[in-house]
Amino acid sequence: MTPFTEKAKALIKRIPRGRVATYGQIAFLAGFDGGARQVAWLLHSSSAKDRLPWHRVIGGRGRISLPRGCGFETQLRRLRAEGVNVPPSGRIDLGRYLWEPRFSTASNP
């Protein structure tokens, strides 16, 4: 496993219930600015195996990225169950729900 993959998975596991993070945000925090697609691939390939809360990761414009009929409805339902107000369009208010992790100098992501 690469250091990026380890960091990204650790970050995704830290996203609290009722909050979301973007693919790009996770990539940036894991040290690979511009690696949003790699985060998407990581979630696609490892979510079940590593029990990642994949539904808490969304597109950079605040929308559920999965197409309707291919995971959109599941992600919508899971976010709503955690208290995230998601309208039928799938656009999430990042000002309200975006996770902003706090790091101390002694801790890693």
PDB file of N, CA and C in Angstrom:
ATOM      1  N   MET A   1       0.853  -1.175   0.000  1.00  0.00           N
ATOM      2  CA  MET A   1       0.000   0.000   0.000  1.00  0.00           C
ATOM      3  C   MET A   1       0.903   1.244   0.000  1.00  0.00           C
ATOM      4  N   THR A   2       0.567   2.213  -0.821  1.00  0.00           N
ATOM      5  CA  THR A   2       1.374   3.430  -0.900  1.00  0.00           C
ATOM      6  C   THR A   2       1.073   4.347   0.282  1.00  0.00           C
ATOM      7  N   PRO A   3       1.993   5.254   0.609  1.00  0.00           N
ATOM      8  CA  PRO A   3       1.720   6.216   1.682  1.00  0.00           C
ATOM      9  C   PRO A   3       0.459   7.043   1.405  1.00  0.00           C
ATOM     10  N   PHE A   4       0.240   7.416   0.146  1.00  0.00           N
ATOM     11  CA  PHE A   4      -0.967   8.159  -0.205  1.00  0.00           C
ATOM     12  C   PHE A   4      -2.218   7.347   0.127  1.00  0.00           C
ATOM     13  N   THR A   5      -2.225   6.096  -0.273  1.00  0.00           N
ATOM     14  CA  THR A   5      -3.380   5.232  -0.022  1.00  0.00           C
ATOM     15  C   THR A   5      -3.634   5.092   1.475  1.00  0.00           C
ATOM     16  N   GLU A   6      -2.586   4.873   2.244  1.00  0.00           N
ATOM     17  CA  GLU A   6      -2.735   4.752   3.695  1.00  0.00           C
ATOM     18  C   GLU A   6      -3.330   6.020   4.301  1.00  0.00           C
ATOM     19  N   LYS A   7      -2.783   7.171   3.910  1.00  0.00           N
ATOM     20  CA  LYS A   7      -3.271   8.438   4.446  1.00  0.00           C
ATOM     21  C   LYS A   7      -4.704   8.700   4.024  1.00  0.00           C
ATOM     22  N   ALA A   8      -5.006   8.440   2.749  1.00  0.00           N
ATOM     23  CA  ALA A   8      -6.363   8.694   2.254  1.00  0.00           C
ATOM     24  C   ALA A   8      -7.377   7.824   2.998  1.00  0.00           C
ATOM     25  N   LYS A   9      -7.072   6.558   3.171  1.00  0.00           N
ATOM     26  CA  LYS A   9      -7.996   5.671   3.893  1.00  0.00           C
ATOM     27  C   LYS A   9      -8.179   6.129   5.331  1.00  0.00           C
ATOM     28  N   ALA A  10      -7.086   6.527   5.979  1.00  0.00           N
ATOM     29  CA  ALA A  10      -7.179   7.002   7.370  1.00  0.00           C
ATOM     30  C   ALA A  10      -8.060   8.251   7.443  1.00  0.00           C
ATOM     31  N   LEU A  11      -7.913   9.138   6.496  1.00  0.00           N
ATOM     32  CA  LEU A  11      -8.730  10.359   6.480  1.00  0.00           C
ATOM     33  C   LEU A  11     -10.206  10.037   6.254  1.00  0.00           C
ATOM     34  N   ILE A  12     -10.482   9.191   5.304  1.00  0.00           N
ATOM     35  CA  ILE A  12     -11.873   8.829   5.005  1.00  0.00           C
ATOM     36  C   ILE A  12     -12.537   8.217   6.237  1.00  0.00           C
ATOM     37  N   LYS A  13     -11.809   7.388   6.964  1.00  0.00           N
ATOM     38  CA  LYS A  13     -12.354   6.774   8.176  1.00  0.00           C
ATOM     39  C   LYS A  13     -12.648   7.806   9.261  1.00  0.00           C
ATOM     40  N   ARG A  14     -11.983   8.961   9.210  1.00  0.00           N
ATOM     41  CA  ARG A  14     -12.186  10.007  10.223  1.00  0.00           C
ATOM     42  C   ARG A  14     -13.358  10.927   9.931  1.00  0.00           C
ATOM     43  N   ILE A  15     -13.920  10.878   8.735  1.00  0.00           N
ATOM     44  CA  ILE A  15     -15.040  11.767   8.423  1.00  0.00           C
ATOM     45  C   ILE A  15     -16.197  11.400   9.345  1.00  0.00           C
ATOM     46  N   PRO A  16     -16.645  12.328  10.175  1.00  0.00           N
ATOM     47  CA  PRO A  16     -17.699  11.986  11.133  1.00  0.00           C
ATOM     48  C   PRO A  16     -19.081  11.855  10.480  1.00  0.00           C
ATOM     49  N   ARG A  17     -19.938  11.133  11.165  1.00  0.00           N
ATOM     50  CA  ARG A  17     -21.338  11.035  10.733  1.00  0.00           C
ATOM     51  C   ARG A  17     -21.902  12.440  10.596  1.00  0.00           C
ATOM     52  N   GLY A  18     -22.707  12.643   9.573  1.00  0.00           N
ATOM     53  CA  GLY A  18     -23.342  13.931   9.376  1.00  0.00           C
ATOM     54  C   GLY A  18     -22.461  14.963   8.696  1.00  0.00           C
ATOM     55  N   ARG A  19     -21.288  14.561   8.246  1.00  0.00           N
ATOM     56  CA  ARG A  19     -20.361  15.460   7.538  1.00  0.00           C
ATOM     57  C   ARG A  19     -19.954  14.808   6.222  1.00  0.00           C
ATOM     58  N   VAL A  20     -19.464  15.624   5.303  1.00  0.00           N
ATOM     59  CA  VAL A  20     -18.964  15.121   4.034  1.00  0.00           C
ATOM     60  C   VAL A  20     -17.591  15.723   3.769  1.00  0.00           C
ATOM     61  N   ALA A  21     -16.852  15.072   2.900  1.00  0.00           N
ATOM     62  CA  ALA A  21     -15.584  15.589   2.396  1.00  0.00           C
ATOM     63  C   ALA A  21     -15.622  15.409   0.883  1.00  0.00           C
ATOM     64  N   THR A  22     -14.812  16.171   0.180  1.00  0.00           N
ATOM     65  CA  THR A  22     -14.753  16.009  -1.268  1.00  0.00           C
ATOM     66  C   THR A  22     -13.571  15.111  -1.632  1.00  0.00           C
ATOM     67  N   TYR A  23     -13.657  14.535  -2.813  1.00  0.00           N
ATOM     68  CA  TYR A  23     -12.558  13.702  -3.303  1.00  0.00           C
ATOM     69  C   TYR A  23     -11.259  14.508  -3.306  1.00  0.00           C
ATOM     70  N   GLY A  24     -11.335  15.729  -3.812  1.00  0.00           N
ATOM     71  CA  GLY A  24     -10.152  16.583  -3.881  1.00  0.00           C
ATOM     72  C   GLY A  24      -9.612  16.959  -2.521  1.00  0.00           C
ATOM     73  N   GLN A  25     -10.487  17.184  -1.582  1.00  0.00           N
ATOM     74  CA  GLN A  25     -10.073  17.526  -0.222  1.00  0.00           C
ATOM     75  C   GLN A  25      -9.282  16.368   0.389  1.00  0.00           C
ATOM     76  N   ILE A  26      -9.781  15.153   0.234  1.00  0.00           N
ATOM     77  CA  ILE A  26      -9.087  13.976   0.769  1.00  0.00           C
ATOM     78  C   ILE A  26      -7.722  13.835   0.095  1.00  0.00           C
ATOM     79  N   ALA A  27      -7.675  14.006  -1.222  1.00  0.00           N
ATOM     80  CA  ALA A  27      -6.403  13.899  -1.943  1.00  0.00           C
ATOM     81  C   ALA A  27      -5.409  14.940  -1.436  1.00  0.00           C
ATOM     82  N   PHE A  28      -5.856  16.174  -1.294  1.00  0.00           N
ATOM     83  CA  PHE A  28      -4.986  17.249  -0.821  1.00  0.00           C
ATOM     84  C   PHE A  28      -4.458  16.949   0.577  1.00  0.00           C
ATOM     85  N   LEU A  29      -5.344  16.566   1.478  1.00  0.00           N
ATOM     86  CA  LEU A  29      -4.932  16.287   2.854  1.00  0.00           C
ATOM     87  C   LEU A  29      -4.000  15.083   2.942  1.00  0.00           C
ATOM     88  N   ALA A  30      -4.131  14.165   1.990  1.00  0.00           N
ATOM     89  CA  ALA A  30      -3.271  12.976   1.968  1.00  0.00           C
ATOM     90  C   ALA A  30      -1.957  13.241   1.240  1.00  0.00           C
ATOM     91  N   GLY A  31      -1.775  14.478   0.760  1.00  0.00           N
ATOM     92  CA  GLY A  31      -0.508  14.841   0.148  1.00  0.00           C
ATOM     93  C   GLY A  31      -0.433  14.713  -1.351  1.00  0.00           C
ATOM     94  N   PHE A  32      -1.574  14.615  -2.028  1.00  0.00           N
ATOM     95  CA  PHE A  32      -1.574  14.471  -3.482  1.00  0.00           C
ATOM     96  C   PHE A  32      -2.608  15.419  -4.075  1.00  0.00           C
ATOM     97  N   ASP A  33      -2.271  16.715  -4.039  1.00  0.00           N
ATOM     98  CA  ASP A  33      -3.173  17.716  -4.609  1.00  0.00           C
ATOM     99  C   ASP A  33      -3.418  17.365  -6.073  1.00  0.00           C
ATOM    100  N   GLY A  34      -4.658  17.358  -6.480  1.00  0.00           N
ATOM    101  CA  GLY A  34      -5.009  16.978  -7.838  1.00  0.00           C
ATOM    102  C   GLY A  34      -5.298  15.497  -7.983  1.00  0.00           C
ATOM    103  N   GLY A  35      -5.321  14.768  -6.886  1.00  0.00           N
ATOM    104  CA  GLY A  35      -5.524  13.323  -6.933  1.00  0.00           C
ATOM    105  C   GLY A  35      -6.942  12.876  -6.651  1.00  0.00           C
ATOM    106  N   ALA A  36      -7.923  13.706  -6.985  1.00  0.00           N
ATOM    107  CA  ALA A  36      -9.322  13.356  -6.706  1.00  0.00           C
ATOM    108  C   ALA A  36      -9.734  12.042  -7.369  1.00  0.00           C
ATOM    109  N   ARG A  37      -9.282  11.819  -8.580  1.00  0.00           N
ATOM    110  CA  ARG A  37      -9.654  10.569  -9.276  1.00  0.00           C
ATOM    111  C   ARG A  37      -9.060   9.350  -8.578  1.00  0.00           C
ATOM    112  N   GLN A  38      -7.879   9.514  -8.017  1.00  0.00           N
ATOM    113  CA  GLN A  38      -7.272   8.403  -7.286  1.00  0.00           C
ATOM    114  C   GLN A  38      -8.086   8.082  -6.035  1.00  0.00           C
ATOM    115  N   VAL A  39      -8.630   9.110  -5.392  1.00  0.00           N
ATOM    116  CA  VAL A  39      -9.493   8.880  -4.225  1.00  0.00           C
ATOM    117  C   VAL A  39     -10.762   8.153  -4.666  1.00  0.00           C
ATOM    118  N   ALA A  40     -11.326   8.561  -5.793  1.00  0.00           N
ATOM    119  CA  ALA A  40     -12.525   7.882  -6.304  1.00  0.00           C
ATOM    120  C   ALA A  40     -12.223   6.407  -6.582  1.00  0.00           C
ATOM    121  N   TRP A  41     -11.081   6.141  -7.198  1.00  0.00           N
ATOM    122  CA  TRP A  41     -10.708   4.758  -7.485  1.00  0.00           C
ATOM    123  C   TRP A  41     -10.490   3.976  -6.186  1.00  0.00           C
ATOM    124  N   LEU A  42      -9.846   4.600  -5.229  1.00  0.00           N
ATOM    125  CA  LEU A  42      -9.616   3.970  -3.931  1.00  0.00           C
ATOM    126  C   LEU A  42     -10.948   3.568  -3.294  1.00  0.00           C
ATOM    127  N   LEU A  43     -11.903   4.475  -3.316  1.00  0.00           N
ATOM    128  CA  LEU A  43     -13.220   4.169  -2.744  1.00  0.00           C
ATOM    129  C   LEU A  43     -13.896   3.045  -3.520  1.00  0.00           C
ATOM    130  N   HIS A  44     -13.791   3.088  -4.827  1.00  0.00           N
ATOM    131  CA  HIS A  44     -14.409   2.056  -5.656  1.00  0.00           C
ATOM    132  C   HIS A  44     -13.816   0.678  -5.360  1.00  0.00           C
ATOM    133  N   SER A  45     -12.512   0.641  -5.178  1.00  0.00           N
ATOM    134  CA  SER A  45     -11.842  -0.650  -5.033  1.00  0.00           C
ATOM    135  C   SER A  45     -11.716  -1.146  -3.595  1.00  0.00           C
ATOM    136  N   SER A  46     -11.860  -0.260  -2.606  1.00  0.00           N
ATOM    137  CA  SER A  46     -11.555  -0.664  -1.231  1.00  0.00           C
ATOM    138  C   SER A  46     -12.645  -0.427  -0.203  1.00  0.00           C
ATOM    139  N   SER A  47     -13.739   0.208  -0.569  1.00  0.00           N
ATOM    140  CA  SER A  47     -14.748   0.584   0.430  1.00  0.00           C
ATOM    141  C   SER A  47     -15.270  -0.598   1.231  1.00  0.00           C
ATOM    142  N   ALA A  48     -15.670  -1.650   0.552  1.00  0.00           N
ATOM    143  CA  ALA A  48     -16.235  -2.799   1.262  1.00  0.00           C
ATOM    144  C   ALA A  48     -15.165  -3.510   2.085  1.00  0.00           C
ATOM    145  N   LYS A  49     -14.043  -3.775   1.466  1.00  0.00           N
ATOM    146  CA  LYS A  49     -12.960  -4.520   2.126  1.00  0.00           C
ATOM    147  C   LYS A  49     -12.452  -3.797   3.370  1.00  0.00           C
ATOM    148  N   ASP A  50     -12.294  -2.476   3.273  1.00  0.00           N
ATOM    149  CA  ASP A  50     -11.731  -1.695   4.374  1.00  0.00           C
ATOM    150  C   ASP A  50     -12.781  -0.964   5.201  1.00  0.00           C
ATOM    151  N   ARG A  51     -14.037  -1.246   4.916  1.00  0.00           N
ATOM    152  CA  ARG A  51     -15.166  -0.649   5.649  1.00  0.00           C
ATOM    153  C   ARG A  51     -15.062   0.883   5.697  1.00  0.00           C
ATOM    154  N   LEU A  52     -14.851   1.473   4.528  1.00  0.00           N
ATOM    155  CA  LEU A  52     -14.746   2.924   4.427  1.00  0.00           C
ATOM    156  C   LEU A  52     -16.129   3.550   4.299  1.00  0.00           C
ATOM    157  N   PRO A  53     -16.371   4.663   4.947  1.00  0.00           N
ATOM    158  CA  PRO A  53     -17.669   5.339   4.811  1.00  0.00           C
ATOM    159  C   PRO A  53     -17.710   6.125   3.490  1.00  0.00           C
ATOM    160  N   TRP A  54     -17.739   5.393   2.392  1.00  0.00           N
ATOM    161  CA  TRP A  54     -17.658   5.946   1.041  1.00  0.00           C
ATOM    162  C   TRP A  54     -18.725   6.988   0.769  1.00  0.00           C
ATOM    163  N   HIS A  55     -19.885   6.824   1.403  1.00  0.00           N
ATOM    164  CA  HIS A  55     -21.015   7.711   1.132  1.00  0.00           C
ATOM    165  C   HIS A  55     -20.771   9.136   1.617  1.00  0.00           C
ATOM    166  N   ARG A  56     -19.764   9.333   2.457  1.00  0.00           N
ATOM    167  CA  ARG A  56     -19.461  10.666   2.981  1.00  0.00           C
ATOM    168  C   ARG A  56     -18.515  11.455   2.076  1.00  0.00           C
ATOM    169  N   VAL A  57     -18.096  10.870   0.971  1.00  0.00           N
ATOM    170  CA  VAL A  57     -17.189  11.547   0.038  1.00  0.00           C
ATOM    171  C   VAL A  57     -17.980  11.919  -1.218  1.00  0.00           C
ATOM    172  N   ILE A  58     -17.910  13.198  -1.569  1.00  0.00           N
ATOM    173  CA  ILE A  58     -18.703  13.721  -2.680  1.00  0.00           C
ATOM    174  C   ILE A  58     -17.822  14.539  -3.629  1.00  0.00           C
ATOM    175  N   GLY A  59     -18.424  14.981  -4.711  1.00  0.00           N
ATOM    176  CA  GLY A  59     -17.709  15.787  -5.690  1.00  0.00           C
ATOM    177  C   GLY A  59     -17.378  17.179  -5.173  1.00  0.00           C
ATOM    178  N   GLY A  60     -16.399  17.794  -5.789  1.00  0.00           N
ATOM    179  CA  GLY A  60     -15.903  19.100  -5.374  1.00  0.00           C
ATOM    180  C   GLY A  60     -16.914  20.230  -5.462  1.00  0.00           C
ATOM    181  N   ARG A  61     -17.929  20.068  -6.265  1.00  0.00           N
ATOM    182  CA  ARG A  61     -18.965  21.093  -6.377  1.00  0.00           C
ATOM    183  C   ARG A  61     -20.111  20.856  -5.392  1.00  0.00           C
ATOM    184  N   GLY A  62     -19.900  19.922  -4.492  1.00  0.00           N
ATOM    185  CA  GLY A  62     -20.904  19.662  -3.471  1.00  0.00           C
ATOM    186  C   GLY A  62     -22.020  18.750  -3.906  1.00  0.00           C
ATOM    187  N   ARG A  63     -21.794  17.968  -4.916  1.00  0.00           N
ATOM    188  CA  ARG A  63     -22.828  17.057  -5.426  1.00  0.00           C
ATOM    189  C   ARG A  63     -22.418  15.600  -5.271  1.00  0.00           C
ATOM    190  N   ILE A  64     -23.417  14.758  -5.138  1.00  0.00           N
ATOM    191  CA  ILE A  64     -23.185  13.327  -5.226  1.00  0.00           C
ATOM    192  C   ILE A  64     -22.736  13.059  -6.656  1.00  0.00           C
ATOM    193  N   SER A  65     -21.622  12.372  -6.803  1.00  0.00           N
ATOM    194  CA  SER A  65     -21.045  12.159  -8.132  1.00  0.00           C
ATOM    195  C   SER A  65     -21.563  10.909  -8.833  1.00  0.00           C
ATOM    196  N   LEU A  66     -22.085   9.988  -8.072  1.00  0.00           N
ATOM    197  CA  LEU A  66     -22.560   8.744  -8.678  1.00  0.00           C
ATOM    198  C   LEU A  66     -23.814   9.003  -9.504  1.00  0.00           C
ATOM    199  N   PRO A  67     -23.946   8.302 -10.631  1.00  0.00           N
ATOM    200  CA  PRO A  67     -25.141   8.486 -11.457  1.00  0.00           C
ATOM    201  C   PRO A  67     -26.380   7.855 -10.814  1.00  0.00           C
ATOM    202  N   ARG A  68     -27.510   8.386 -11.179  1.00  0.00           N
ATOM    203  CA  ARG A  68     -28.775   7.798 -10.733  1.00  0.00           C
ATOM    204  C   ARG A  68     -28.856   6.365 -11.249  1.00  0.00           C
ATOM    205  N   GLY A  69     -29.315   5.483 -10.382  1.00  0.00           N
ATOM    206  CA  GLY A  69     -29.403   4.072 -10.741  1.00  0.00           C
ATOM    207  C   GLY A  69     -28.102   3.309 -10.550  1.00  0.00           C
ATOM    208  N   CYS A  70     -27.037   4.004 -10.202  1.00  0.00           N
ATOM    209  CA  CYS A  70     -25.721   3.370 -10.007  1.00  0.00           C
ATOM    210  C   CYS A  70     -25.068   3.833  -8.713  1.00  0.00           C
ATOM    211  N   GLY A  71     -25.861   3.986  -7.673  1.00  0.00           N
ATOM    212  CA  GLY A  71     -25.324   4.356  -6.375  1.00  0.00           C
ATOM    213  C   GLY A  71     -25.802   5.689  -5.846  1.00  0.00           C
ATOM    214  N   PHE A  72     -26.318   6.551  -6.714  1.00  0.00           N
ATOM    215  CA  PHE A  72     -26.790   7.871  -6.286  1.00  0.00           C
ATOM    216  C   PHE A  72     -27.817   7.740  -5.160  1.00  0.00           C
ATOM    217  N   GLU A  73     -28.816   6.916  -5.372  1.00  0.00           N
ATOM    218  CA  GLU A  73     -29.899   6.780  -4.402  1.00  0.00           C
ATOM    219  C   GLU A  73     -29.416   6.210  -3.073  1.00  0.00           C
ATOM    220  N   THR A  74     -28.489   5.263  -3.130  1.00  0.00           N
ATOM    221  CA  THR A  74     -27.934   4.685  -1.902  1.00  0.00           C
ATOM    222  C   THR A  74     -27.164   5.741  -1.114  1.00  0.00           C
ATOM    223  N   GLN A  75     -26.332   6.510  -1.806  1.00  0.00           N
ATOM    224  CA  GLN A  75     -25.568   7.548  -1.137  1.00  0.00           C
ATOM    225  C   GLN A  75     -26.498   8.618  -0.564  1.00  0.00           C
ATOM    226  N   LEU A  76     -27.491   9.017  -1.319  1.00  0.00           N
ATOM    227  CA  LEU A  76     -28.486   9.994  -0.858  1.00  0.00           C
ATOM    228  C   LEU A  76     -29.168   9.502   0.418  1.00  0.00           C
ATOM    229  N   ARG A  77     -29.610   8.271   0.401  1.00  0.00           N
ATOM    230  CA  ARG A  77     -30.309   7.683   1.547  1.00  0.00           C
ATOM    231  C   ARG A  77     -29.393   7.583   2.773  1.00  0.00           C
ATOM    232  N   ARG A  78     -28.157   7.173   2.569  1.00  0.00           N
ATOM    233  CA  ARG A  78     -27.233   7.019   3.699  1.00  0.00           C
ATOM    234  C   ARG A  78     -26.867   8.370   4.314  1.00  0.00           C
ATOM    235  N   LEU A  79     -26.658   9.374   3.479  1.00  0.00           N
ATOM    236  CA  LEU A  79     -26.352  10.709   4.009  1.00  0.00           C
ATOM    237  C   LEU A  79     -27.540  11.273   4.767  1.00  0.00           C
ATOM    238  N   ARG A  80     -28.722  11.130   4.212  1.00  0.00           N
ATOM    239  CA  ARG A  80     -29.926  11.609   4.907  1.00  0.00           C
ATOM    240  C   ARG A  80     -30.105  10.902   6.246  1.00  0.00           C
ATOM    241  N   ALA A  81     -29.797   9.617   6.303  1.00  0.00           N
ATOM    242  CA  ALA A  81     -29.923   8.865   7.553  1.00  0.00           C
ATOM    243  C   ALA A  81     -28.973   9.388   8.625  1.00  0.00           C
ATOM    244  N   GLU A  82     -27.902  10.051   8.204  1.00  0.00           N
ATOM    245  CA  GLU A  82     -26.946  10.638   9.146  1.00  0.00           C
ATOM    246  C   GLU A  82     -27.263  12.095   9.449  1.00  0.00           C
ATOM    247  N   GLY A  83     -28.363  12.601   8.905  1.00  0.00           N
ATOM    248  CA  GLY A  83     -28.771  13.963   9.206  1.00  0.00           C
ATOM    249  C   GLY A  83     -28.320  15.022   8.217  1.00  0.00           C
ATOM    250  N   VAL A  84     -27.711  14.605   7.114  1.00  0.00           N
ATOM    251  CA  VAL A  84     -27.300  15.561   6.084  1.00  0.00           C
ATOM    252  C   VAL A  84     -28.528  15.885   5.231  1.00  0.00           C
ATOM    253  N   ASN A  85     -28.828  17.161   5.106  1.00  0.00           N
ATOM    254  CA  ASN A  85     -29.968  17.595   4.300  1.00  0.00           C
ATOM    255  C   ASN A  85     -29.553  17.569   2.829  1.00  0.00           C
ATOM    256  N   VAL A  86     -30.003  16.546   2.130  1.00  0.00           N
ATOM    257  CA  VAL A  86     -29.662  16.392   0.720  1.00  0.00           C
ATOM    258  C   VAL A  86     -30.947  16.481  -0.095  1.00  0.00           C
ATOM    259  N   PRO A  87     -31.091  17.519  -0.912  1.00  0.00           N
ATOM    260  CA  PRO A  87     -32.275  17.620  -1.755  1.00  0.00           C
ATOM    261  C   PRO A  87     -32.214  16.594  -2.887  1.00  0.00           C
ATOM    262  N   PRO A  88     -33.305  16.391  -3.603  1.00  0.00           N
ATOM    263  CA  PRO A  88     -33.319  15.409  -4.697  1.00  0.00           C
ATOM    264  C   PRO A  88     -32.236  15.649  -5.757  1.00  0.00           C
ATOM    265  N   SER A  89     -31.756  16.878  -5.889  1.00  0.00           N
ATOM    266  CA  SER A  89     -30.706  17.173  -6.876  1.00  0.00           C
ATOM    267  C   SER A  89     -29.370  16.562  -6.484  1.00  0.00           C
ATOM    268  N   GLY A  90     -29.192  16.247  -5.197  1.00  0.00           N
ATOM    269  CA  GLY A  90     -27.937  15.676  -4.724  1.00  0.00           C
ATOM    270  C   GLY A  90     -26.899  16.712  -4.353  1.00  0.00           C
ATOM    271  N   ARG A  91     -27.264  17.997  -4.375  1.00  0.00           N
ATOM    272  CA  ARG A  91     -26.312  19.057  -4.010  1.00  0.00           C
ATOM    273  C   ARG A  91     -26.359  19.261  -2.499  1.00  0.00           C
ATOM    274  N   ILE A  92     -25.184  19.230  -1.887  1.00  0.00           N
ATOM    275  CA  ILE A  92     -25.056  19.340  -0.439  1.00  0.00           C
ATOM    276  C   ILE A  92     -24.441  20.699  -0.099  1.00  0.00           C
ATOM    277  N   ASP A  93     -24.955  21.338   0.913  1.00  0.00           N
ATOM    278  CA  ASP A  93     -24.454  22.636   1.360  1.00  0.00           C
ATOM    279  C   ASP A  93     -23.100  22.432   2.044  1.00  0.00           C
ATOM    280  N   LEU A  94     -22.027  22.725   1.310  1.00  0.00           N
ATOM    281  CA  LEU A  94     -20.689  22.521   1.868  1.00  0.00           C
ATOM    282  C   LEU A  94     -20.407  23.474   3.018  1.00  0.00           C
ATOM    283  N   GLY A  95     -21.027  24.643   3.003  1.00  0.00           N
ATOM    284  CA  GLY A  95     -20.839  25.580   4.105  1.00  0.00           C
ATOM    285  C   GLY A  95     -21.347  25.013   5.420  1.00  0.00           C
ATOM    286  N   ARG A  96     -22.293  24.120   5.324  1.00  0.00           N
ATOM    287  CA  ARG A  96     -22.883  23.537   6.533  1.00  0.00           C
ATOM    288  C   ARG A  96     -22.323  22.153   6.871  1.00  0.00           C
ATOM    289  N   TYR A  97     -22.070  21.341   5.864  1.00  0.00           N
ATOM    290  CA  TYR A  97     -21.751  19.934   6.107  1.00  0.00           C
ATOM    291  C   TYR A  97     -20.308  19.523   5.812  1.00  0.00           C
ATOM    292  N   LEU A  98     -19.490  20.415   5.255  1.00  0.00           N
ATOM    293  CA  LEU A  98     -18.123  20.024   4.920  1.00  0.00           C
ATOM    294  C   LEU A  98     -17.314  19.764   6.180  1.00  0.00           C
ATOM    295  N   TRP A  99     -16.650  18.635   6.210  1.00  0.00           N
ATOM    296  CA  TRP A  99     -15.776  18.263   7.319  1.00  0.00           C
ATOM    297  C   TRP A  99     -14.496  19.067   7.219  1.00  0.00           C
ATOM    298  N   GLU A 100     -14.117  19.661   8.311  1.00  0.00           N
ATOM    299  CA  GLU A 100     -12.865  20.408   8.379  1.00  0.00           C
ATOM    300  C   GLU A 100     -12.036  19.818   9.508  1.00  0.00           C
ATOM    301  N   PRO A 101     -11.166  18.875   9.145  1.00  0.00           N
ATOM    302  CA  PRO A 101     -10.381  18.200  10.192  1.00  0.00           C
ATOM    303  C   PRO A 101      -9.417  19.147  10.870  1.00  0.00           C
ATOM    304  N   ARG A 102      -9.168  18.862  12.106  1.00  0.00           N
ATOM    305  CA  ARG A 102      -8.185  19.622  12.876  1.00  0.00           C
ATOM    306  C   ARG A 102      -7.052  18.666  13.201  1.00  0.00           C
ATOM    307  N   PHE A 103      -5.852  19.114  12.926  1.00  0.00           N
ATOM    308  CA  PHE A 103      -4.680  18.291  13.190  1.00  0.00           C
ATOM    309  C   PHE A 103      -3.822  18.984  14.228  1.00  0.00           C
ATOM    310  N   SER A 104      -3.333  18.236  15.176  1.00  0.00           N
ATOM    311  CA  SER A 104      -2.328  18.785  16.081  1.00  0.00           C
ATOM    312  C   SER A 104      -0.966  18.463  15.475  1.00  0.00           C
ATOM    313  N   THR A 105       0.051  19.135  15.926  1.00  0.00           N
ATOM    314  CA  THR A 105       1.389  18.888  15.376  1.00  0.00           C
ATOM    315  C   THR A 105       1.896  17.508  15.742  1.00  0.00           C
ATOM    316  N   ALA A 106       1.300  16.888  16.747  1.00  0.00           N
ATOM    317  CA  ALA A 106       1.753  15.565  17.174  1.00  0.00           C
ATOM    318  C   ALA A 106       0.964  14.434  16.534  1.00  0.00           C
ATOM    319  N   SER A 107      -0.068  14.739  15.766  1.00  0.00           N
ATOM    320  CA  SER A 107      -0.897  13.671  15.213  1.00  0.00           C
ATOM    321  C   SER A 107      -0.774  13.601  13.696  1.00  0.00           C
ATOM    322  N   ASN A 108      -1.086  12.460  13.181  1.00  0.00           N
ATOM    323  CA  ASN A 108      -1.158  12.237  11.744  1.00  0.00           C
ATOM    324  C   ASN A 108      -2.610  12.120  11.357  1.00  0.00           C
ATOM    325  N   PRO A 109      -2.906  12.306  10.071  1.00  0.00           N
ATOM    326  CA  PRO A 109      -4.304  12.175   9.631  1.00  0.00           C
ATOM    327  C   PRO A 109      -4.908  10.840   9.911  1.00  0.00           C
TER     328      PRO A 109
END
